[in-house]
Amino acid sequence: MNETTYQEAPKDWKGIAKQLGPGLIISANIVGSGELIVTTKVGADVGFILLWFIILGCIVKVFLQVELGRYALTHGKTTLQAMDAVPGPRFSLIWRWLNLRAEGSWLVWCWIIMFIATFFQVSGMVGGIA
């Protein structure tokens, strides 16, 4: 029979800080500056009409990030590898002049489009500040 092992809870401040560190990083990723800026802007623009949408988005984001992290840790795969395993159509792009072929599921291509759009958004923010 397998014996379950567990880690003793830390008793000193240094040990407690070590245990809290990863949790603080995850919570900073889940509720970042984007949520703080977007939620206040939406609230200022439309009032309480879209409050349900903001709450739903925050809840979905929390569970999605937690489960993707869990999947990555338990299966030893990255989240992009997990998204590539999602069933559905697969698309490929061939650049002959670069001798490069990119292939992935529809969800990976959606992520690539979102990543490129985020790059332009951040560039616009930096350009607006400069």
N, C-alpha and C. Protein backbone atom coordinates (compact mmCIF):
# COMPACT_ATOMS: atom_id res chain seq x y z
N MET A 1 0.84 -1.18 0.00
CA MET A 1 0.00 0.00 0.00
C MET A 1 0.88 1.25 0.00
N ASN A 2 0.50 2.25 -0.75
CA ASN A 2 1.27 3.49 -0.82
C ASN A 2 1.03 4.33 0.41
N GLU A 3 2.13 4.82 0.97
CA GLU A 3 2.02 5.69 2.13
C GLU A 3 2.09 7.14 1.66
N THR A 4 1.14 7.94 2.09
CA THR A 4 1.10 9.34 1.69
C THR A 4 2.09 10.14 2.50
N THR A 5 2.91 10.92 1.80
CA THR A 5 3.85 11.79 2.50
C THR A 5 3.40 13.22 2.32
N TYR A 6 3.72 14.04 3.29
CA TYR A 6 3.36 15.44 3.21
C TYR A 6 4.48 16.27 3.81
N GLN A 7 4.46 17.53 3.45
CA GLN A 7 5.49 18.45 3.92
C GLN A 7 4.99 19.15 5.17
N GLU A 8 5.85 19.24 6.16
CA GLU A 8 5.49 19.93 7.40
C GLU A 8 5.31 21.42 7.14
N ALA A 9 4.37 22.03 7.82
CA ALA A 9 4.15 23.47 7.69
C ALA A 9 5.32 24.22 8.30
N PRO A 10 5.76 25.29 7.64
CA PRO A 10 6.90 26.05 8.18
C PRO A 10 6.52 26.77 9.47
N LYS A 11 7.50 26.92 10.37
CA LYS A 11 7.25 27.56 11.66
C LYS A 11 7.87 28.96 11.74
N ASP A 12 8.89 29.23 10.94
CA ASP A 12 9.55 30.54 11.01
C ASP A 12 9.11 31.43 9.84
N TRP A 13 9.46 32.72 9.92
CA TRP A 13 9.04 33.69 8.91
C TRP A 13 9.66 33.40 7.55
N LYS A 14 10.91 32.94 7.54
CA LYS A 14 11.57 32.66 6.27
C LYS A 14 10.87 31.51 5.54
N GLY A 15 10.52 30.48 6.26
CA GLY A 15 9.82 29.35 5.66
C GLY A 15 8.43 29.73 5.17
N ILE A 16 7.74 30.57 5.96
CA ILE A 16 6.41 31.03 5.55
C ILE A 16 6.51 31.88 4.29
N ALA A 17 7.52 32.75 4.23
CA ALA A 17 7.70 33.59 3.04
C ALA A 17 7.99 32.75 1.80
N LYS A 18 8.76 31.65 1.97
CA LYS A 18 9.03 30.76 0.85
C LYS A 18 7.75 30.11 0.33
N GLN A 19 6.85 29.77 1.24
CA GLN A 19 5.60 29.14 0.84
C GLN A 19 4.63 30.14 0.22
N LEU A 20 4.67 31.39 0.68
CA LEU A 20 3.76 32.40 0.15
C LEU A 20 4.20 32.95 -1.20
N GLY A 21 5.49 32.89 -1.49
CA GLY A 21 6.03 33.47 -2.72
C GLY A 21 5.33 33.03 -3.99
N PRO A 22 5.24 31.72 -4.27
CA PRO A 22 4.57 31.28 -5.49
C PRO A 22 3.10 31.68 -5.55
N GLY A 23 2.43 31.67 -4.41
CA GLY A 23 1.02 32.09 -4.38
C GLY A 23 0.85 33.56 -4.73
N LEU A 24 1.78 34.39 -4.24
CA LEU A 24 1.72 35.82 -4.58
C LEU A 24 1.97 36.04 -6.06
N ILE A 25 2.88 35.28 -6.64
CA ILE A 25 3.15 35.41 -8.07
C ILE A 25 1.93 35.01 -8.88
N ILE A 26 1.29 33.91 -8.52
CA ILE A 26 0.09 33.47 -9.24
C ILE A 26 -1.02 34.49 -9.09
N SER A 27 -1.24 35.00 -7.89
CA SER A 27 -2.32 35.99 -7.72
C SER A 27 -2.01 37.28 -8.46
N ALA A 28 -0.74 37.65 -8.57
CA ALA A 28 -0.38 38.84 -9.35
C ALA A 28 -0.64 38.61 -10.83
N ASN A 29 -0.48 37.38 -11.30
CA ASN A 29 -0.79 37.07 -12.70
C ASN A 29 -2.28 37.06 -12.95
N ILE A 30 -3.04 36.58 -11.99
CA ILE A 30 -4.49 36.47 -12.18
C ILE A 30 -5.14 37.84 -12.16
N VAL A 31 -4.80 38.66 -11.19
CA VAL A 31 -5.36 40.01 -11.11
C VAL A 31 -4.21 40.97 -11.34
N GLY A 32 -4.04 41.39 -12.56
CA GLY A 32 -2.94 42.27 -12.91
C GLY A 32 -3.41 43.69 -13.14
N SER A 33 -2.50 44.49 -13.65
CA SER A 33 -2.82 45.89 -13.90
C SER A 33 -3.87 46.04 -14.99
N GLY A 34 -3.94 45.09 -15.91
CA GLY A 34 -4.96 45.15 -16.96
C GLY A 34 -6.36 45.13 -16.39
N GLU A 35 -6.60 44.24 -15.44
CA GLU A 35 -7.93 44.20 -14.82
C GLU A 35 -8.23 45.48 -14.07
N LEU A 36 -7.23 46.00 -13.37
CA LEU A 36 -7.46 47.23 -12.61
C LEU A 36 -7.79 48.41 -13.53
N ILE A 37 -7.10 48.49 -14.66
CA ILE A 37 -7.34 49.59 -15.60
C ILE A 37 -8.66 49.40 -16.34
N VAL A 38 -8.86 48.19 -16.89
CA VAL A 38 -10.06 47.94 -17.71
C VAL A 38 -11.33 48.02 -16.88
N THR A 39 -11.33 47.43 -15.69
CA THR A 39 -12.56 47.44 -14.90
C THR A 39 -12.94 48.85 -14.47
N THR A 40 -11.98 49.67 -14.12
CA THR A 40 -12.33 51.04 -13.74
C THR A 40 -12.78 51.86 -14.94
N LYS A 41 -12.16 51.62 -16.11
CA LYS A 41 -12.57 52.35 -17.32
C LYS A 41 -13.98 51.94 -17.74
N VAL A 42 -14.26 50.64 -17.73
CA VAL A 42 -15.60 50.18 -18.10
C VAL A 42 -16.62 50.70 -17.10
N GLY A 43 -16.27 50.68 -15.82
CA GLY A 43 -17.19 51.21 -14.81
C GLY A 43 -17.45 52.69 -15.00
N ALA A 44 -16.44 53.45 -15.38
CA ALA A 44 -16.63 54.88 -15.61
C ALA A 44 -17.44 55.14 -16.87
N ASP A 45 -17.28 54.30 -17.89
CA ASP A 45 -17.98 54.53 -19.16
C ASP A 45 -19.44 54.10 -19.12
N VAL A 46 -19.72 52.93 -18.58
CA VAL A 46 -21.09 52.39 -18.66
C VAL A 46 -21.75 52.18 -17.31
N GLY A 47 -21.08 52.44 -16.23
CA GLY A 47 -21.70 52.26 -14.92
C GLY A 47 -21.77 50.79 -14.53
N PHE A 48 -22.88 50.42 -13.89
CA PHE A 48 -23.03 49.06 -13.38
C PHE A 48 -23.67 48.10 -14.38
N ILE A 49 -23.93 48.56 -15.60
CA ILE A 49 -24.62 47.71 -16.58
C ILE A 49 -23.79 46.47 -16.91
N LEU A 50 -22.47 46.61 -17.05
CA LEU A 50 -21.61 45.48 -17.41
C LEU A 50 -20.85 44.89 -16.22
N LEU A 51 -21.30 45.16 -15.01
CA LEU A 51 -20.62 44.61 -13.84
C LEU A 51 -20.61 43.08 -13.85
N TRP A 52 -21.70 42.49 -14.30
CA TRP A 52 -21.78 41.03 -14.37
C TRP A 52 -20.72 40.47 -15.32
N PHE A 53 -20.44 41.19 -16.40
CA PHE A 53 -19.47 40.75 -17.39
C PHE A 53 -18.05 40.77 -16.81
N ILE A 54 -17.75 41.80 -16.04
CA ILE A 54 -16.42 41.90 -15.42
C ILE A 54 -16.24 40.79 -14.39
N ILE A 55 -17.25 40.55 -13.58
CA ILE A 55 -17.16 39.49 -12.56
C ILE A 55 -17.02 38.13 -13.23
N LEU A 56 -17.81 37.88 -14.27
CA LEU A 56 -17.71 36.60 -14.99
C LEU A 56 -16.33 36.43 -15.61
N GLY A 57 -15.81 37.48 -16.22
CA GLY A 57 -14.48 37.40 -16.82
C GLY A 57 -13.39 37.10 -15.81
N CYS A 58 -13.46 37.73 -14.64
CA CYS A 58 -12.46 37.47 -13.59
C CYS A 58 -12.56 36.04 -13.07
N ILE A 59 -13.77 35.54 -12.90
CA ILE A 59 -13.95 34.16 -12.42
C ILE A 59 -13.43 33.16 -13.44
N VAL A 60 -13.78 33.36 -14.71
CA VAL A 60 -13.32 32.44 -15.75
C VAL A 60 -11.80 32.47 -15.85
N LYS A 61 -11.21 33.66 -15.76
CA LYS A 61 -9.76 33.79 -15.86
C LYS A 61 -9.07 33.04 -14.73
N VAL A 62 -9.57 33.15 -13.52
CA VAL A 62 -8.96 32.47 -12.38
C VAL A 62 -8.97 30.96 -12.60
N PHE A 63 -10.14 30.40 -12.91
CA PHE A 63 -10.22 28.95 -13.05
C PHE A 63 -9.43 28.45 -14.26
N LEU A 64 -9.43 29.21 -15.34
CA LEU A 64 -8.69 28.80 -16.53
C LEU A 64 -7.19 28.77 -16.25
N GLN A 65 -6.66 29.80 -15.59
CA GLN A 65 -5.23 29.83 -15.30
C GLN A 65 -4.83 28.75 -14.29
N VAL A 66 -5.66 28.53 -13.30
CA VAL A 66 -5.34 27.50 -12.30
C VAL A 66 -5.31 26.12 -12.95
N GLU A 67 -6.31 25.82 -13.77
CA GLU A 67 -6.37 24.50 -14.39
C GLU A 67 -5.29 24.31 -15.44
N LEU A 68 -4.96 25.36 -16.21
CA LEU A 68 -3.86 25.23 -17.17
C LEU A 68 -2.54 25.00 -16.44
N GLY A 69 -2.34 25.69 -15.32
CA GLY A 69 -1.13 25.47 -14.53
C GLY A 69 -1.07 24.06 -13.96
N ARG A 70 -2.20 23.58 -13.47
CA ARG A 70 -2.26 22.22 -12.94
C ARG A 70 -1.95 21.18 -14.02
N TYR A 71 -2.54 21.39 -15.19
CA TYR A 71 -2.30 20.46 -16.30
C TYR A 71 -0.82 20.45 -16.68
N ALA A 72 -0.23 21.64 -16.77
CA ALA A 72 1.18 21.73 -17.15
C ALA A 72 2.07 21.03 -16.12
N LEU A 73 1.77 21.20 -14.84
CA LEU A 73 2.59 20.57 -13.81
C LEU A 73 2.43 19.06 -13.76
N THR A 74 1.21 18.58 -13.90
CA THR A 74 0.98 17.14 -13.78
C THR A 74 1.40 16.36 -15.02
N HIS A 75 1.29 16.96 -16.20
CA HIS A 75 1.62 16.25 -17.43
C HIS A 75 3.01 16.58 -17.96
N GLY A 76 3.68 17.56 -17.36
CA GLY A 76 5.02 17.92 -17.82
C GLY A 76 5.04 18.57 -19.19
N LYS A 77 3.96 19.24 -19.56
CA LYS A 77 3.87 19.92 -20.85
C LYS A 77 3.68 21.41 -20.62
N THR A 78 4.02 22.20 -21.63
CA THR A 78 3.73 23.62 -21.55
C THR A 78 2.26 23.84 -21.88
N THR A 79 1.76 25.03 -21.57
CA THR A 79 0.35 25.30 -21.87
C THR A 79 0.10 25.36 -23.37
N LEU A 80 1.08 25.80 -24.15
CA LEU A 80 0.91 25.79 -25.60
C LEU A 80 0.85 24.36 -26.14
N GLN A 81 1.61 23.44 -25.57
CA GLN A 81 1.51 22.04 -25.97
C GLN A 81 0.13 21.49 -25.61
N ALA A 82 -0.41 21.91 -24.47
CA ALA A 82 -1.75 21.47 -24.08
C ALA A 82 -2.79 22.02 -25.04
N MET A 83 -2.64 23.29 -25.44
CA MET A 83 -3.60 23.87 -26.38
C MET A 83 -3.47 23.24 -27.76
N ASP A 84 -2.27 22.79 -28.11
CA ASP A 84 -2.08 22.15 -29.41
C ASP A 84 -2.74 20.78 -29.45
N ALA A 85 -2.99 20.17 -28.30
CA ALA A 85 -3.63 18.86 -28.25
C ALA A 85 -5.15 18.94 -28.29
N VAL A 86 -5.71 20.15 -28.29
CA VAL A 86 -7.16 20.32 -28.34
C VAL A 86 -7.68 19.82 -29.68
N PRO A 87 -8.73 18.99 -29.68
CA PRO A 87 -9.24 18.49 -30.96
C PRO A 87 -9.86 19.61 -31.80
N GLY A 88 -9.83 19.40 -33.08
CA GLY A 88 -10.39 20.37 -34.01
C GLY A 88 -9.47 20.54 -35.20
N PRO A 89 -9.80 21.49 -36.04
CA PRO A 89 -8.98 21.66 -37.25
C PRO A 89 -7.56 22.12 -36.93
N ARG A 90 -6.63 21.67 -37.76
CA ARG A 90 -5.23 22.07 -37.64
C ARG A 90 -4.87 22.86 -38.89
N PHE A 91 -4.11 23.91 -38.69
CA PHE A 91 -3.71 24.77 -39.80
C PHE A 91 -2.19 24.78 -39.90
N SER A 92 -1.71 24.93 -41.11
CA SER A 92 -0.26 25.04 -41.29
C SER A 92 0.04 26.23 -42.20
N LEU A 93 1.20 26.78 -42.00
CA LEU A 93 1.65 27.93 -42.77
C LEU A 93 3.07 27.63 -43.22
N ILE A 94 3.32 27.78 -44.52
CA ILE A 94 4.63 27.46 -45.07
C ILE A 94 5.24 28.72 -45.66
N TRP A 95 6.43 29.08 -45.18
CA TRP A 95 7.21 30.18 -45.75
C TRP A 95 8.37 29.55 -46.50
N ARG A 96 8.26 29.51 -47.81
CA ARG A 96 9.31 28.88 -48.61
C ARG A 96 10.61 29.69 -48.59
N TRP A 97 10.50 31.00 -48.57
CA TRP A 97 11.69 31.84 -48.61
C TRP A 97 12.47 31.78 -47.30
N LEU A 98 11.83 31.37 -46.21
CA LEU A 98 12.53 31.16 -44.94
C LEU A 98 12.79 29.69 -44.65
N ASN A 99 12.24 28.82 -45.52
CA ASN A 99 12.32 27.38 -45.31
C ASN A 99 11.76 27.01 -43.94
N LEU A 100 10.57 27.53 -43.66
CA LEU A 100 9.95 27.37 -42.35
C LEU A 100 8.51 26.88 -42.51
N ARG A 101 8.13 25.94 -41.69
CA ARG A 101 6.76 25.44 -41.70
C ARG A 101 6.22 25.49 -40.28
N ALA A 102 5.06 26.12 -40.11
CA ALA A 102 4.42 26.21 -38.80
C ALA A 102 3.09 25.48 -38.86
N GLU A 103 2.86 24.60 -37.90
CA GLU A 103 1.61 23.85 -37.87
C GLU A 103 1.10 23.83 -36.43
N GLY A 104 -0.21 23.95 -36.29
CA GLY A 104 -0.80 23.91 -34.95
C GLY A 104 -2.30 23.85 -35.00
N SER A 105 -2.89 23.59 -33.85
CA SER A 105 -4.34 23.53 -33.77
C SER A 105 -4.92 24.94 -33.87
N TRP A 106 -6.21 24.99 -34.04
CA TRP A 106 -6.89 26.28 -34.19
C TRP A 106 -6.69 27.15 -32.95
N LEU A 107 -6.60 26.53 -31.78
CA LEU A 107 -6.44 27.29 -30.55
C LEU A 107 -5.05 27.92 -30.45
N VAL A 108 -4.04 27.24 -30.95
CA VAL A 108 -2.69 27.81 -30.97
C VAL A 108 -2.64 29.00 -31.91
N TRP A 109 -3.31 28.91 -33.06
CA TRP A 109 -3.33 30.04 -34.00
C TRP A 109 -4.08 31.22 -33.40
N CYS A 110 -5.15 30.95 -32.65
CA CYS A 110 -5.84 32.05 -31.95
C CYS A 110 -4.90 32.71 -30.94
N TRP A 111 -4.09 31.89 -30.24
CA TRP A 111 -3.14 32.44 -29.29
C TRP A 111 -2.09 33.29 -30.00
N ILE A 112 -1.62 32.84 -31.16
CA ILE A 112 -0.62 33.61 -31.92
C ILE A 112 -1.19 34.96 -32.33
N ILE A 113 -2.42 34.97 -32.82
CA ILE A 113 -3.07 36.23 -33.21
C ILE A 113 -3.21 37.15 -32.01
N MET A 114 -3.62 36.59 -30.86
CA MET A 114 -3.76 37.39 -29.65
C MET A 114 -2.41 37.93 -29.19
N PHE A 115 -1.36 37.12 -29.30
CA PHE A 115 -0.02 37.54 -28.90
C PHE A 115 0.46 38.70 -29.76
N ILE A 116 0.23 38.61 -31.06
CA ILE A 116 0.64 39.70 -31.96
C ILE A 116 -0.16 40.96 -31.65
N ALA A 117 -1.47 40.81 -31.41
CA ALA A 117 -2.30 41.97 -31.07
C ALA A 117 -1.83 42.60 -29.76
N THR A 118 -1.46 41.78 -28.78
CA THR A 118 -0.96 42.30 -27.51
C THR A 118 0.34 43.06 -27.70
N PHE A 119 1.19 42.57 -28.59
CA PHE A 119 2.44 43.27 -28.89
C PHE A 119 2.16 44.67 -29.42
N PHE A 120 1.18 44.79 -30.32
CA PHE A 120 0.84 46.11 -30.85
C PHE A 120 0.19 47.00 -29.79
N GLN A 121 -0.59 46.41 -28.90
CA GLN A 121 -1.20 47.19 -27.82
C GLN A 121 -0.12 47.75 -26.89
N VAL A 122 0.83 46.92 -26.51
CA VAL A 122 1.90 47.38 -25.63
C VAL A 122 2.74 48.43 -26.34
N SER A 123 2.99 48.24 -27.63
CA SER A 123 3.74 49.24 -28.39
C SER A 123 3.01 50.57 -28.41
N GLY A 124 1.68 50.51 -28.55
CA GLY A 124 0.89 51.73 -28.52
C GLY A 124 0.93 52.42 -27.17
N MET A 125 0.91 51.62 -26.09
CA MET A 125 0.99 52.21 -24.76
C MET A 125 2.34 52.88 -24.53
N VAL A 126 3.41 52.19 -24.95
CA VAL A 126 4.75 52.77 -24.78
C VAL A 126 4.88 54.02 -25.64
N GLY A 127 4.34 53.98 -26.86
CA GLY A 127 4.38 55.16 -27.72
C GLY A 127 3.57 56.31 -27.16
N GLY A 128 2.47 56.00 -26.49
CA GLY A 128 1.65 57.04 -25.88
C GLY A 128 2.33 57.69 -24.69
N ILE A 129 3.15 56.94 -23.99
CA ILE A 129 3.85 57.47 -22.82
C ILE A 129 5.04 58.32 -23.25
N ALA A 130 5.71 57.89 -24.31
CA ALA A 130 6.96 58.58 -24.74
C ALA A 130 6.71 59.95 -25.30
